[in-house]
C-alpha atoms as a PDB file:
ATOM      1  CA  MET A   1     -29.644 -17.585   4.556  1.00  0.00           C
ATOM      2  CA  PHE A   2     -25.895 -17.607   5.491  1.00  0.00           C
ATOM      3  CA  ARG A   3     -23.882 -15.084   3.626  1.00  0.00           C
ATOM      4  CA  LYS A   4     -20.270 -15.677   3.441  1.00  0.00           C
ATOM      5  CA  GLU A   5     -17.737 -12.858   4.118  1.00  0.00           C
ATOM      6  CA  LEU A   6     -14.015 -12.897   2.943  1.00  0.00           C
ATOM      7  CA  LEU A   7     -11.182 -10.737   4.113  1.00  0.00           C
ATOM      8  CA  GLN A   8      -8.316 -10.407   1.858  1.00  0.00           C
ATOM      9  CA  ILE A   9      -5.253  -8.163   1.990  1.00  0.00           C
ATOM     10  CA  GLY A  10      -3.084  -6.474  -0.787  1.00  0.00           C
ATOM     11  CA  ILE A  11       0.523  -5.615  -0.244  1.00  0.00           C
ATOM     12  CA  GLU A  12       2.464  -3.147  -2.372  1.00  0.00           C
ATOM     13  CA  PHE A  13       6.169  -2.829  -2.224  1.00  0.00           C
ATOM     14  CA  HIS A  14       7.974   0.537  -3.342  1.00  0.00           C
ATOM     15  CA  GLU A  15      11.507   1.500  -2.922  1.00  0.00           C
ATOM     16  CA  GLN A  16      10.589   3.854   0.185  1.00  0.00           C
ATOM     17  CA  GLN A  17       7.602   2.325   1.549  1.00  0.00           C
ATOM     18  CA  ILE A  18       5.287  -0.746   2.219  1.00  0.00           C
ATOM     19  CA  ARG A  19       1.487  -0.283   1.744  1.00  0.00           C
ATOM     20  CA  VAL A  20      -1.136  -2.551   3.110  1.00  0.00           C
ATOM     21  CA  VAL A  21      -4.887  -2.522   2.382  1.00  0.00           C
ATOM     22  CA  GLN A  22      -7.564  -5.086   3.817  1.00  0.00           C
ATOM     23  CA  VAL A  23     -10.730  -5.318   2.081  1.00  0.00           C
ATOM     24  CA  LYS A  24     -14.187  -7.319   2.867  1.00  0.00           C
ATOM     25  CA  LEU A  25     -15.928  -9.089   0.108  1.00  0.00           C
ATOM     26  CA  ARG A  26     -19.496  -9.762   0.921  1.00  0.00           C
ATOM     27  CA  ALA A  27     -22.176 -10.854  -1.638  1.00  0.00           C
ATOM     28  CA  ASN A  28     -21.606  -8.278  -4.566  1.00  0.00           C
ATOM     29  CA  GLN A  29     -20.008  -5.720  -2.348  1.00  0.00           C
ATOM     30  CA  ILE A  30     -16.253  -4.729  -1.641  1.00  0.00           C
ATOM     31  CA  SER A  31     -15.578  -2.596   1.275  1.00  0.00           C
ATOM     32  CA  LEU A  32     -12.254  -1.021   2.316  1.00  0.00           C
ATOM     33  CA  GLU A  33     -11.625  -2.156   6.002  1.00  0.00           C
ATOM     34  CA  LYS A  34      -8.018  -1.130   6.795  1.00  0.00           C
ATOM     35  CA  VAL A  35      -5.211   0.842   5.121  1.00  0.00           C
ATOM     36  CA  GLY A  36      -1.633   1.261   6.397  1.00  0.00           C
ATOM     37  CA  GLN A  37       1.867   2.144   5.350  1.00  0.00           C
ATOM     38  CA  ALA A  38       5.537   1.745   6.751  1.00  0.00           C
ATOM     39  CA  LEU A  39       8.915   3.018   5.609  1.00  0.00           C
ATOM     40  CA  MET A  40      10.649   0.331   3.429  1.00  0.00           C
ATOM     41  CA  PRO A  41      14.204  -0.362   5.146  1.00  0.00           C
ATOM     42  CA  ALA A  42      16.822   1.520   3.215  1.00  0.00           C
ATOM     43  CA  GLU A  43      18.324  -0.395   0.453  1.00  0.00           C
ATOM     44  CA  SER A  44      16.270  -3.641   0.829  1.00  0.00           C
ATOM     45  CA  PHE A  45      14.052  -3.032  -2.142  1.00  0.00           C
ATOM     46  CA  VAL A  46      15.730  -1.511  -5.283  1.00  0.00           C
ATOM     47  CA  HIS A  47      14.536  -1.460  -8.835  1.00  0.00           C
ATOM     48  CA  GLY A  48      11.705  -3.912  -8.067  1.00  0.00           C
ATOM     49  CA  ARG A  49      14.198  -6.360  -6.395  1.00  0.00           C
ATOM     50  CA  ILE A  50      14.148  -7.625  -2.826  1.00  0.00           C
ATOM     51  CA  LEU A  51      17.524  -7.401  -1.634  1.00  0.00           C
ATOM     52  CA  GLN A  52      17.135  -7.738   2.201  1.00  0.00           C
ATOM     53  CA  PRO A  53      14.140 -10.084   2.617  1.00  0.00           C
ATOM     54  CA  ASP A  54      14.588 -10.431   6.374  1.00  0.00           C
ATOM     55  CA  LEU A  55      14.340  -6.567   6.847  1.00  0.00           C
ATOM     56  CA  ILE A  56      11.258  -6.229   4.691  1.00  0.00           C
ATOM     57  CA  SER A  57       9.531  -9.126   6.548  1.00  0.00           C
ATOM     58  CA  GLN A  58      10.054  -7.604   9.865  1.00  0.00           C
ATOM     59  CA  SER A  59       8.886  -4.235   8.794  1.00  0.00           C
ATOM     60  CA  LEU A  60       5.822  -5.903   6.977  1.00  0.00           C
ATOM     61  CA  ARG A  61       5.090  -7.949  10.236  1.00  0.00           C
ATOM     62  CA  ARG A  62       5.213  -4.928  12.332  1.00  0.00           C
ATOM     63  CA  LEU A  63       2.856  -3.081  10.055  1.00  0.00           C
ATOM     64  CA  LEU A  64       0.389  -5.990  10.064  1.00  0.00           C
ATOM     65  CA  ASP A  65       0.572  -6.181  13.806  1.00  0.00           C
ATOM     66  CA  THR A  66      -0.160  -2.382  14.089  1.00  0.00           C
ATOM     67  CA  MET A  67      -3.089  -2.666  11.809  1.00  0.00           C
ATOM     68  CA  GLY A  68      -4.463  -5.608  13.755  1.00  0.00           C
ATOM     69  CA  ILE A  69      -4.185  -8.061  10.778  1.00  0.00           C
END
């Protein structure tokens, strides 16, 4: 019987860093596949507000590339 696997990522933004996790969902199990973090560009995310989306997206893209996602 074919069992479906699903990979999902979670992204968390903080004023000083970006965190990413990748999990695999399979049947009734969840497994942590990858974890990574990068520095948030200065003054780009303040009090929960994205002020410089281009800088954040560049940092996030580099992090995802480094993690192989």
